Amino acid sequence: MARYVRITPTKARLVIDLVRGKPVPEAMQLLRFLPNRAAPIIRKVVQSAAANALDRFDLDPEELVITKCYVDQGPSMKRIRPRAMGRAYRILKRTSHITVVVGERTQAQRKRGK
């Protein structure tokens, strides 16, 4: 889980949708070469979730699959942009909370080759 990440949730969701349900090694390879700004951030979260699974539950690293991942909106920082005739426009600098949950492959996933 990464909280208060300075990237908009919509941009992060585009990347997180690509890795949902994939095995961790495959997801790490995919995230490594994606050009999106959210990819390295999400890669670190996946890496952290996998390391926690290995350390706490002694799971096989090759059998790990991303079971659940989502991006929630965090608090928005409000900034002001000066405009014509003394007016001001509000700029919202959005933040994200990124959550990734990993688990072992099920028997059915092993048979299908996923």
N, C-alpha and C. Protein backbone atom coordinates (compact mmCIF):
# COMPACT_ATOMS: atom_id res chain seq x y z
N MET A 1 0.84 -1.17 0.00
CA MET A 1 0.00 0.00 0.00
C MET A 1 0.89 1.23 0.00
N ALA A 2 0.57 2.17 -0.87
CA ALA A 2 1.25 3.45 -0.90
C ALA A 2 0.19 4.53 -0.76
N ARG A 3 0.39 5.40 0.19
CA ARG A 3 -0.61 6.42 0.44
C ARG A 3 -0.06 7.80 0.11
N TYR A 4 -0.97 8.70 -0.28
CA TYR A 4 -0.64 10.09 -0.59
C TYR A 4 0.38 10.22 -1.72
N VAL A 5 0.26 9.36 -2.74
CA VAL A 5 1.16 9.42 -3.88
C VAL A 5 0.69 10.55 -4.79
N ARG A 6 1.63 11.37 -5.24
CA ARG A 6 1.28 12.55 -6.02
C ARG A 6 1.08 12.23 -7.50
N ILE A 7 0.05 11.46 -7.78
CA ILE A 7 -0.36 11.17 -9.15
C ILE A 7 -1.88 11.04 -9.14
N THR A 8 -2.51 11.45 -10.22
CA THR A 8 -3.97 11.41 -10.22
C THR A 8 -4.44 9.95 -10.26
N PRO A 9 -5.54 9.66 -9.58
CA PRO A 9 -6.05 8.29 -9.55
C PRO A 9 -6.41 7.75 -10.94
N THR A 10 -6.91 8.59 -11.83
CA THR A 10 -7.29 8.11 -13.16
C THR A 10 -6.07 7.62 -13.93
N LYS A 11 -4.96 8.32 -13.83
CA LYS A 11 -3.74 7.90 -14.53
C LYS A 11 -3.17 6.63 -13.91
N ALA A 12 -3.26 6.50 -12.60
CA ALA A 12 -2.76 5.30 -11.93
C ALA A 12 -3.65 4.10 -12.23
N ARG A 13 -4.95 4.32 -12.38
CA ARG A 13 -5.88 3.21 -12.66
C ARG A 13 -5.63 2.60 -14.03
N LEU A 14 -5.18 3.41 -15.00
CA LEU A 14 -4.87 2.88 -16.32
C LEU A 14 -3.79 1.80 -16.24
N VAL A 15 -2.80 2.04 -15.38
CA VAL A 15 -1.70 1.09 -15.23
C VAL A 15 -2.11 -0.09 -14.36
N ILE A 16 -2.84 0.17 -13.28
CA ILE A 16 -3.20 -0.90 -12.34
C ILE A 16 -4.13 -1.91 -13.00
N ASP A 17 -4.94 -1.46 -13.97
CA ASP A 17 -5.84 -2.38 -14.67
C ASP A 17 -5.06 -3.37 -15.54
N LEU A 18 -3.86 -3.00 -15.97
CA LEU A 18 -3.05 -3.89 -16.81
C LEU A 18 -2.47 -5.07 -16.03
N VAL A 19 -2.19 -4.86 -14.73
CA VAL A 19 -1.52 -5.91 -13.95
C VAL A 19 -2.47 -6.73 -13.08
N ARG A 20 -3.73 -6.34 -13.01
CA ARG A 20 -4.68 -7.07 -12.16
C ARG A 20 -4.83 -8.51 -12.62
N GLY A 21 -4.62 -9.46 -11.68
CA GLY A 21 -4.77 -10.88 -11.97
C GLY A 21 -3.56 -11.55 -12.56
N LYS A 22 -2.51 -10.81 -12.83
CA LYS A 22 -1.31 -11.38 -13.43
C LYS A 22 -0.37 -11.95 -12.37
N PRO A 23 0.48 -12.91 -12.74
CA PRO A 23 1.52 -13.38 -11.82
C PRO A 23 2.50 -12.24 -11.54
N VAL A 24 3.07 -12.24 -10.35
CA VAL A 24 3.94 -11.14 -9.93
C VAL A 24 5.16 -10.97 -10.84
N PRO A 25 5.88 -12.04 -11.23
CA PRO A 25 7.03 -11.83 -12.12
C PRO A 25 6.64 -11.19 -13.46
N GLU A 26 5.51 -11.62 -14.01
CA GLU A 26 5.03 -11.06 -15.28
C GLU A 26 4.63 -9.59 -15.11
N ALA A 27 3.97 -9.28 -14.00
CA ALA A 27 3.56 -7.90 -13.73
C ALA A 27 4.77 -6.99 -13.55
N MET A 28 5.81 -7.50 -12.87
CA MET A 28 7.02 -6.70 -12.67
C MET A 28 7.69 -6.40 -14.01
N GLN A 29 7.76 -7.39 -14.91
CA GLN A 29 8.34 -7.17 -16.24
C GLN A 29 7.53 -6.14 -17.01
N LEU A 30 6.21 -6.27 -16.96
CA LEU A 30 5.33 -5.34 -17.68
C LEU A 30 5.51 -3.92 -17.16
N LEU A 31 5.53 -3.77 -15.85
CA LEU A 31 5.66 -2.44 -15.25
C LEU A 31 7.04 -1.82 -15.50
N ARG A 32 8.03 -2.67 -15.67
CA ARG A 32 9.39 -2.16 -15.89
C ARG A 32 9.50 -1.40 -17.20
N PHE A 33 8.76 -1.83 -18.22
CA PHE A 33 8.90 -1.24 -19.55
C PHE A 33 7.74 -0.34 -19.96
N LEU A 34 6.77 -0.14 -19.09
CA LEU A 34 5.67 0.77 -19.42
C LEU A 34 6.15 2.21 -19.34
N PRO A 35 5.75 3.07 -20.28
CA PRO A 35 6.21 4.46 -20.26
C PRO A 35 5.42 5.37 -19.32
N ASN A 36 4.33 4.88 -18.74
CA ASN A 36 3.50 5.72 -17.89
C ASN A 36 4.23 6.15 -16.63
N ARG A 37 3.90 7.34 -16.12
CA ARG A 37 4.55 7.86 -14.92
C ARG A 37 4.17 7.06 -13.68
N ALA A 38 3.02 6.39 -13.72
CA ALA A 38 2.56 5.62 -12.57
C ALA A 38 3.24 4.26 -12.48
N ALA A 39 3.84 3.78 -13.57
CA ALA A 39 4.40 2.43 -13.61
C ALA A 39 5.47 2.19 -12.55
N PRO A 40 6.50 3.06 -12.39
CA PRO A 40 7.50 2.78 -11.36
C PRO A 40 6.93 2.82 -9.94
N ILE A 41 5.94 3.65 -9.71
CA ILE A 41 5.32 3.74 -8.39
C ILE A 41 4.58 2.45 -8.07
N ILE A 42 3.79 1.98 -9.03
CA ILE A 42 3.02 0.75 -8.84
C ILE A 42 3.96 -0.45 -8.76
N ARG A 43 5.06 -0.41 -9.50
CA ARG A 43 6.06 -1.50 -9.44
C ARG A 43 6.62 -1.63 -8.04
N LYS A 44 6.90 -0.50 -7.40
CA LYS A 44 7.42 -0.54 -6.03
C LYS A 44 6.39 -1.11 -5.06
N VAL A 45 5.12 -0.80 -5.28
CA VAL A 45 4.07 -1.32 -4.40
C VAL A 45 3.92 -2.83 -4.59
N VAL A 46 3.97 -3.29 -5.85
CA VAL A 46 3.88 -4.74 -6.12
C VAL A 46 5.08 -5.46 -5.51
N GLN A 47 6.26 -4.87 -5.67
CA GLN A 47 7.48 -5.46 -5.12
C GLN A 47 7.39 -5.56 -3.60
N SER A 48 6.86 -4.52 -2.97
CA SER A 48 6.70 -4.51 -1.53
C SER A 48 5.70 -5.57 -1.07
N ALA A 49 4.58 -5.69 -1.79
CA ALA A 49 3.56 -6.67 -1.43
C ALA A 49 4.11 -8.10 -1.58
N ALA A 50 4.90 -8.33 -2.63
CA ALA A 50 5.49 -9.65 -2.83
C ALA A 50 6.51 -9.96 -1.74
N ALA A 51 7.33 -8.97 -1.38
CA ALA A 51 8.32 -9.17 -0.32
C ALA A 51 7.65 -9.46 1.02
N ASN A 52 6.55 -8.76 1.29
CA ASN A 52 5.80 -9.01 2.53
C ASN A 52 5.23 -10.42 2.55
N ALA A 53 4.72 -10.88 1.41
CA ALA A 53 4.15 -12.23 1.33
C ALA A 53 5.23 -13.29 1.56
N LEU A 54 6.41 -13.05 1.00
CA LEU A 54 7.50 -14.01 1.18
C LEU A 54 7.99 -14.02 2.62
N ASP A 55 8.11 -12.84 3.20
CA ASP A 55 8.65 -12.72 4.55
C ASP A 55 7.68 -13.20 5.62
N ARG A 56 6.43 -12.81 5.50
CA ARG A 56 5.46 -13.12 6.56
C ARG A 56 4.83 -14.49 6.43
N PHE A 57 4.60 -14.95 5.19
CA PHE A 57 3.83 -16.17 5.01
C PHE A 57 4.61 -17.29 4.33
N ASP A 58 5.87 -17.08 4.01
CA ASP A 58 6.73 -18.09 3.35
C ASP A 58 6.09 -18.67 2.09
N LEU A 59 5.56 -17.80 1.25
CA LEU A 59 4.95 -18.26 0.00
C LEU A 59 6.01 -18.38 -1.09
N ASP A 60 5.75 -19.22 -2.08
CA ASP A 60 6.67 -19.41 -3.20
C ASP A 60 6.62 -18.18 -4.10
N PRO A 61 7.77 -17.54 -4.39
CA PRO A 61 7.75 -16.31 -5.19
C PRO A 61 7.24 -16.51 -6.61
N GLU A 62 7.41 -17.70 -7.17
CA GLU A 62 6.95 -17.97 -8.53
C GLU A 62 5.44 -18.22 -8.59
N GLU A 63 4.83 -18.52 -7.45
CA GLU A 63 3.40 -18.83 -7.41
C GLU A 63 2.54 -17.62 -7.02
N LEU A 64 3.15 -16.46 -6.79
CA LEU A 64 2.40 -15.29 -6.37
C LEU A 64 1.65 -14.66 -7.53
N VAL A 65 0.41 -14.28 -7.26
CA VAL A 65 -0.45 -13.64 -8.25
C VAL A 65 -1.05 -12.40 -7.59
N ILE A 66 -1.25 -11.36 -8.38
CA ILE A 66 -1.91 -10.16 -7.86
C ILE A 66 -3.40 -10.46 -7.79
N THR A 67 -3.89 -10.66 -6.57
CA THR A 67 -5.30 -11.04 -6.41
C THR A 67 -6.22 -9.84 -6.39
N LYS A 68 -5.76 -8.76 -5.78
CA LYS A 68 -6.59 -7.58 -5.66
C LYS A 68 -5.69 -6.35 -5.78
N CYS A 69 -6.10 -5.38 -6.58
CA CYS A 69 -5.36 -4.12 -6.65
C CYS A 69 -6.33 -3.01 -7.06
N TYR A 70 -6.20 -1.90 -6.41
CA TYR A 70 -7.07 -0.77 -6.71
C TYR A 70 -6.40 0.54 -6.30
N VAL A 71 -6.93 1.63 -6.86
CA VAL A 71 -6.42 2.97 -6.57
C VAL A 71 -7.58 3.81 -6.08
N ASP A 72 -7.45 4.35 -4.88
CA ASP A 72 -8.45 5.25 -4.33
C ASP A 72 -7.91 6.67 -4.37
N GLN A 73 -8.82 7.62 -4.36
CA GLN A 73 -8.40 9.02 -4.36
C GLN A 73 -8.05 9.46 -2.95
N GLY A 74 -6.92 10.13 -2.81
CA GLY A 74 -6.51 10.71 -1.53
C GLY A 74 -6.96 12.16 -1.48
N PRO A 75 -6.47 12.89 -0.51
CA PRO A 75 -6.84 14.31 -0.43
C PRO A 75 -6.22 15.11 -1.57
N SER A 76 -6.93 16.13 -2.01
CA SER A 76 -6.43 16.99 -3.07
C SER A 76 -5.82 18.25 -2.47
N MET A 77 -4.66 18.62 -2.99
CA MET A 77 -4.04 19.89 -2.57
C MET A 77 -4.65 20.99 -3.42
N LYS A 78 -5.08 22.06 -2.78
CA LYS A 78 -5.70 23.15 -3.50
C LYS A 78 -4.68 24.25 -3.75
N ARG A 79 -4.58 24.67 -5.01
CA ARG A 79 -3.69 25.76 -5.39
C ARG A 79 -4.49 26.77 -6.19
N ILE A 80 -3.99 27.98 -6.28
CA ILE A 80 -4.72 29.04 -6.98
C ILE A 80 -3.89 29.52 -8.15
N ARG A 81 -4.56 29.68 -9.30
CA ARG A 81 -3.92 30.19 -10.51
C ARG A 81 -4.52 31.56 -10.81
N PRO A 82 -3.70 32.60 -10.88
CA PRO A 82 -4.22 33.93 -11.20
C PRO A 82 -4.77 33.97 -12.63
N ARG A 83 -5.89 34.65 -12.81
CA ARG A 83 -6.51 34.81 -14.12
C ARG A 83 -6.77 36.29 -14.39
N ALA A 84 -7.36 36.57 -15.51
CA ALA A 84 -7.56 37.95 -15.93
C ALA A 84 -8.53 38.69 -15.01
N MET A 85 -8.37 39.99 -14.92
CA MET A 85 -9.24 40.92 -14.17
C MET A 85 -9.34 40.55 -12.70
N GLY A 86 -8.25 40.09 -12.12
CA GLY A 86 -8.20 39.84 -10.68
C GLY A 86 -8.87 38.57 -10.21
N ARG A 87 -9.29 37.75 -11.14
CA ARG A 87 -9.93 36.49 -10.75
C ARG A 87 -8.89 35.43 -10.44
N ALA A 88 -9.36 34.33 -9.84
CA ALA A 88 -8.46 33.22 -9.52
C ALA A 88 -9.17 31.91 -9.83
N TYR A 89 -8.44 30.99 -10.43
CA TYR A 89 -8.96 29.65 -10.69
C TYR A 89 -8.30 28.69 -9.74
N ARG A 90 -9.07 27.71 -9.30
CA ARG A 90 -8.53 26.71 -8.38
C ARG A 90 -7.92 25.56 -9.18
N ILE A 91 -6.75 25.14 -8.77
CA ILE A 91 -6.10 23.97 -9.34
C ILE A 91 -6.09 22.90 -8.26
N LEU A 92 -6.55 21.70 -8.62
CA LEU A 92 -6.55 20.58 -7.68
C LEU A 92 -5.40 19.65 -8.02
N LYS A 93 -4.47 19.51 -7.11
CA LYS A 93 -3.36 18.58 -7.29
C LYS A 93 -3.75 17.31 -6.54
N ARG A 94 -4.18 16.33 -7.29
CA ARG A 94 -4.77 15.13 -6.70
C ARG A 94 -3.72 14.14 -6.23
N THR A 95 -4.08 13.38 -5.19
CA THR A 95 -3.20 12.33 -4.68
C THR A 95 -3.95 11.00 -4.72
N SER A 96 -3.19 9.91 -4.63
CA SER A 96 -3.76 8.57 -4.73
C SER A 96 -3.32 7.70 -3.57
N HIS A 97 -4.16 6.73 -3.24
CA HIS A 97 -3.80 5.66 -2.33
C HIS A 97 -3.81 4.38 -3.16
N ILE A 98 -2.65 3.74 -3.32
CA ILE A 98 -2.53 2.56 -4.16
C ILE A 98 -2.43 1.33 -3.27
N THR A 99 -3.28 0.33 -3.53
CA THR A 99 -3.30 -0.90 -2.74
C THR A 99 -3.13 -2.10 -3.67
N VAL A 100 -2.21 -2.99 -3.30
CA VAL A 100 -1.98 -4.23 -4.06
C VAL A 100 -1.96 -5.39 -3.06
N VAL A 101 -2.73 -6.43 -3.36
CA VAL A 101 -2.77 -7.63 -2.52
C VAL A 101 -2.34 -8.81 -3.38
N VAL A 102 -1.37 -9.58 -2.88
CA VAL A 102 -0.91 -10.76 -3.63
C VAL A 102 -1.26 -12.03 -2.86
N GLY A 103 -1.41 -13.12 -3.60
CA GLY A 103 -1.70 -14.42 -3.00
C GLY A 103 -1.18 -15.51 -3.91
N GLU A 104 -1.30 -16.74 -3.46
CA GLU A 104 -0.83 -17.86 -4.27
C GLU A 104 -1.86 -18.21 -5.34
N ARG A 105 -1.35 -18.81 -6.42
CA ARG A 105 -2.23 -19.25 -7.50
C ARG A 105 -3.14 -20.37 -7.00
N THR A 106 -4.34 -20.39 -7.52
CA THR A 106 -5.26 -21.48 -7.18
C THR A 106 -4.96 -22.67 -8.08
N GLN A 107 -5.52 -23.80 -7.75
CA GLN A 107 -5.30 -25.02 -8.54
C GLN A 107 -5.82 -24.82 -9.96
N ALA A 108 -6.96 -24.15 -10.11
CA ALA A 108 -7.54 -23.94 -11.44
C ALA A 108 -6.65 -23.05 -12.30
N GLN A 109 -6.02 -22.05 -11.69
CA GLN A 109 -5.12 -21.17 -12.45
C GLN A 109 -3.88 -21.93 -12.91
N ARG A 110 -3.40 -22.84 -12.09
CA ARG A 110 -2.23 -23.64 -12.48
C ARG A 110 -2.53 -24.52 -13.68
N LYS A 111 -3.74 -25.09 -13.71
CA LYS A 111 -4.12 -25.97 -14.82
C LYS A 111 -4.25 -25.20 -16.12
N ARG A 112 -4.79 -23.96 -16.03
CA ARG A 112 -4.96 -23.15 -17.24
C ARG A 112 -3.63 -22.55 -17.71
N GLY A 113 -2.63 -22.58 -16.85
CA GLY A 113 -1.33 -22.04 -17.25
C GLY A 113 -1.16 -20.57 -16.96
N LYS A 114 -2.06 -20.01 -16.17
CA LYS A 114 -1.97 -18.59 -15.82
C LYS A 114 -1.06 -18.37 -14.66
